[in-house]
Protein backbone atom coordinates (compact mmCIF):
# COMPACT_ATOMS: atom_id res chain seq x y z
CA MET A 1 50.11 155.03 180.76
CA ALA A 2 51.70 152.94 178.17
CA SER A 3 50.01 152.43 174.89
CA ALA A 4 48.94 148.78 174.16
CA PHE A 5 51.24 148.92 171.11
CA GLU A 6 54.40 149.91 173.10
CA PRO A 7 56.45 147.23 174.88
CA VAL A 8 56.60 147.39 178.59
CA LEU A 9 60.28 147.52 179.85
CA VAL A 10 60.75 145.34 182.80
CA ASP A 11 63.96 144.62 184.64
CA PRO A 12 64.49 140.85 184.33
CA GLU A 13 65.88 140.75 187.90
CA LEU A 14 62.38 141.63 189.16
CA ILE A 15 61.03 138.25 187.81
CA ALA A 16 61.82 135.43 190.19
CA PRO A 17 63.52 132.55 188.14
CA ASP A 18 61.00 130.11 189.44
CA ARG A 19 58.23 132.13 187.86
CA VAL A 20 59.83 131.93 184.38
CA ARG A 21 58.09 129.17 182.31
CA PRO A 22 60.51 127.70 179.69
CA LEU A 23 59.33 126.93 176.23
CA ARG A 24 59.23 123.25 175.27
CA ARG A 25 60.61 121.96 172.08
CA ALA A 26 57.21 120.51 171.00
CA GLU A 27 55.66 123.88 171.48
CA TYR A 28 58.47 125.60 169.63
CA ASP A 29 58.16 123.21 166.71
CA HIS A 30 54.39 123.85 166.60
CA LEU A 31 54.96 127.59 166.37
CA VAL A 32 57.56 127.20 163.70
CA ALA A 33 55.17 125.03 161.67
CA ALA A 34 52.50 127.67 162.10
CA GLY A 35 54.90 130.27 160.52
CA LEU A 36 55.38 132.40 163.48
CA PHE A 37 59.22 132.92 163.08
CA GLU A 38 59.46 133.00 159.22
CA ASP A 39 61.47 136.17 159.17
CA GLU A 40 63.55 135.44 162.19
CA ARG A 41 66.76 133.34 162.83
CA LEU A 42 66.14 131.75 166.19
CA GLU A 43 67.15 128.56 168.09
CA LEU A 44 65.74 127.19 171.35
CA LEU A 45 68.32 126.91 174.08
CA ALA A 46 67.35 125.77 177.54
CA GLY A 47 63.81 126.77 177.09
CA ARG A 48 64.44 130.24 175.77
CA LEU A 49 64.45 131.62 172.18
CA VAL A 50 67.84 132.98 171.32
CA THR A 51 68.59 135.04 168.15
CA MET A 52 71.33 133.72 165.94
CA SER A 53 74.01 136.19 164.97
CA PRO A 54 74.53 136.79 161.18
CA GLN A 55 77.44 134.97 159.66
CA GLY A 56 80.53 136.94 158.73
CA SER A 57 82.58 135.76 155.74
CA PRO A 58 85.24 133.89 157.90
CA HIS A 59 82.43 132.08 159.69
CA ALA A 60 80.71 131.14 156.36
CA GLU A 61 83.94 130.08 154.85
CA LEU A 62 84.90 127.75 157.69
CA VAL A 63 81.48 126.10 157.57
CA THR A 64 81.85 125.61 153.83
CA ARG A 65 85.28 124.08 154.36
CA LEU A 66 84.07 121.75 156.98
CA ALA A 67 81.20 120.52 154.88
CA ALA A 68 83.50 120.04 151.87
CA THR A 69 85.86 118.02 154.07
CA LEU A 70 83.36 115.83 155.82
CA LEU A 71 80.60 115.28 153.22
CA PRO A 72 82.35 113.15 150.47
CA PRO A 73 83.99 110.58 152.75
CA LEU A 74 80.76 110.15 154.86
CA LEU A 75 78.34 110.10 152.01
CA ASP A 76 77.28 106.45 152.47
CA ARG A 77 78.07 106.29 156.15
CA ALA A 78 76.21 109.22 157.94
CA GLU A 79 74.34 112.36 157.12
CA VAL A 80 76.13 115.76 157.19
CA ARG A 81 73.65 118.55 158.02
CA VAL A 82 74.52 122.24 157.78
CA ARG A 83 72.73 124.83 159.85
CA LEU A 84 69.76 122.51 160.51
CA PRO A 85 67.77 121.80 163.75
CA PHE A 86 68.95 119.24 166.17
CA ALA A 87 66.48 117.89 168.67
CA ALA A 88 68.68 117.93 171.67
CA SER A 89 66.25 117.79 174.59
CA ASP A 90 62.75 118.69 175.63
CA ASP A 91 63.72 122.33 175.93
CA SER A 92 66.56 122.74 173.47
CA GLU A 93 66.61 122.70 169.55
CA PRO A 94 69.85 124.28 168.49
CA GLU A 95 70.82 124.65 164.92
CA PRO A 96 74.60 123.86 164.93
CA ASP A 97 76.78 124.96 161.98
CA LEU A 98 77.35 121.26 161.18
CA ALA A 99 76.12 118.01 162.64
CA VAL A 100 76.98 114.47 161.53
CA VAL A 101 74.03 112.26 162.30
CA PRO A 102 73.18 108.63 161.60
CA ARG A 103 71.48 107.99 158.24
CA GLY A 104 67.78 108.01 158.42
CA ASP A 105 64.50 109.51 157.34
CA TYR A 106 63.97 112.72 159.34
CA LEU A 107 60.78 113.81 157.55
CA ALA A 108 58.78 113.26 160.75
CA GLY A 109 61.24 114.88 163.12
CA HIS A 110 64.63 116.37 163.48
CA PRO A 111 67.46 113.97 164.51
CA GLU A 112 67.87 113.35 168.27
CA ARG A 113 71.31 111.69 167.93
CA ALA A 114 74.58 113.11 166.73
CA LEU A 115 77.96 111.51 166.20
CA LEU A 116 79.68 114.88 165.95
CA VAL A 117 78.43 118.49 166.30
CA VAL A 118 80.52 121.56 165.21
CA GLU A 119 80.01 125.18 165.96
CA VAL A 120 82.22 127.96 164.39
CA ALA A 121 82.60 130.77 166.91
CA ALA A 122 83.87 134.27 167.36
CA SER A 123 81.59 136.55 169.35
CA SER A 124 79.51 133.55 170.31
CA LEU A 125 82.48 131.71 171.85
CA PRO A 126 81.50 131.95 175.59
CA LYS A 127 77.98 130.64 174.68
CA ASP A 128 79.34 127.84 172.60
CA LEU A 129 81.90 126.72 175.15
CA ALA A 130 79.52 126.79 178.06
CA LEU A 131 75.74 126.65 177.33
CA LYS A 132 75.89 124.66 174.14
CA ALA A 133 78.51 122.39 175.48
CA ALA A 134 76.19 121.57 178.38
CA ILE A 135 73.26 121.04 176.00
CA TYR A 136 75.16 118.78 173.70
CA GLU A 137 76.61 116.82 176.63
CA ALA A 138 73.20 116.29 178.08
CA ALA A 139 71.92 115.24 174.60
CA ALA A 140 74.59 112.37 174.61
CA VAL A 141 76.36 113.79 171.55
CA ASP A 142 79.53 111.71 171.07
CA GLU A 143 81.83 114.63 170.18
CA TYR A 144 81.60 118.42 169.93
CA TRP A 145 84.10 120.61 168.15
CA VAL A 146 84.22 124.47 168.59
CA VAL A 147 86.11 126.20 165.88
CA ASP A 148 87.44 129.29 167.63
CA LEU A 149 88.18 131.94 165.00
CA THR A 150 89.78 134.13 167.67
CA GLY A 151 92.42 131.56 168.44
CA PRO A 152 92.53 130.22 165.87
CA ARG A 153 92.09 126.79 167.31
CA VAL A 154 89.53 123.90 167.66
CA VAL A 155 88.33 123.00 171.15
CA VAL A 156 87.23 119.39 171.39
CA PHE A 157 84.77 117.88 173.76
CA ARG A 158 84.65 114.09 173.70
CA ARG A 159 82.51 111.65 175.75
CA GLY A 160 84.52 110.14 178.56
CA PRO A 161 84.14 106.87 180.42
CA GLY A 162 81.81 108.41 182.90
CA GLY A 163 79.20 109.28 180.18
CA GLY A 164 79.67 113.03 180.11
CA PHE A 165 82.31 115.05 178.26
CA ALA A 166 85.87 114.78 179.48
CA ALA A 167 87.81 117.80 179.93
CA PRO A 168 88.07 119.74 176.63
CA THR A 169 91.31 119.80 174.63
CA ALA A 170 92.63 122.50 172.35
CA HIS A 171 94.17 121.96 168.88
CA GLY A 172 96.06 124.27 166.61
CA PRO A 173 96.93 124.59 162.92
CA GLY A 174 99.83 122.16 163.15
CA GLU A 175 97.54 119.22 164.11
CA ALA A 176 94.93 116.96 162.50
CA LEU A 177 91.71 115.73 164.10
CA ALA A 178 89.74 112.60 163.37
CA PRO A 179 86.14 112.19 164.77
CA LEU A 180 85.93 109.22 167.21
CA ALA A 181 83.14 107.67 165.09
CA PHE A 182 85.29 107.85 161.93
CA PRO A 183 88.96 107.55 162.90
CA ASP A 184 90.02 107.13 159.29
CA LEU A 185 88.79 110.70 158.51
CA GLN A 186 91.59 113.09 159.13
CA VAL A 187 90.83 116.85 159.17
CA ALA A 188 94.10 118.84 158.68
CA LEU A 189 93.53 121.98 160.83
CA ALA A 190 96.23 123.81 158.78
CA ASP A 191 93.79 123.57 155.82
CA LEU A 192 90.77 124.23 157.84
CA LEU A 193 92.13 127.35 159.46
CA ALA A 194 94.13 128.67 156.54
CA GLY A 195 93.95 132.47 156.26
CA VAL A 196 92.19 132.89 159.61
CA ALA A 197 93.87 135.79 161.53
CA GLY A 198 96.79 134.31 163.40
CA ALA A 199 96.92 131.01 161.47
CA PRO A 200 99.55 130.25 158.86
CA ARG A 201 98.38 129.77 155.29
CA ALA A 202 98.38 126.21 154.04
CA GLU A 203 101.15 125.56 151.46
């Protein structure tokens, strides 16, 4: 008989999906405020607690470059948040690598609107292109970029006339991207991806 201190290993396939009770964002925030996850890096995705992978140096460097590129020109126009919670829905509170949100006071709650969300991905690429894309689309995020370190490339999801994301487009180091909300802000992908395996170094 298993000890009360030993985890019981159960095959997830034995649990009917309709018997799994998702965690709500309000409940998750309450648990966070109570200090239950102080030593863990988690995000709430579709009602489930998902561990966040440690950042390798390429990942950290790309997030730093993005912040340095976007923060100065947007200083008085929006807020640039790095690795902070985004209140996407009742059952999702991801922590994107970077989010551009309307200026405001978020002391009472995390932002629920985003003009641009960016994730930097390598091993997390399938999750970022599928699950997170669906979460950000449902949250009415205007634009979502996935910086694919394995490409290297940037996959762009933009809101189409039907309200959801249009088919994603891929962009390489020879191109520049401008967020829909800030068309005057040009992000040179050669500079952003410089030194990433497979990308030419910026002159």
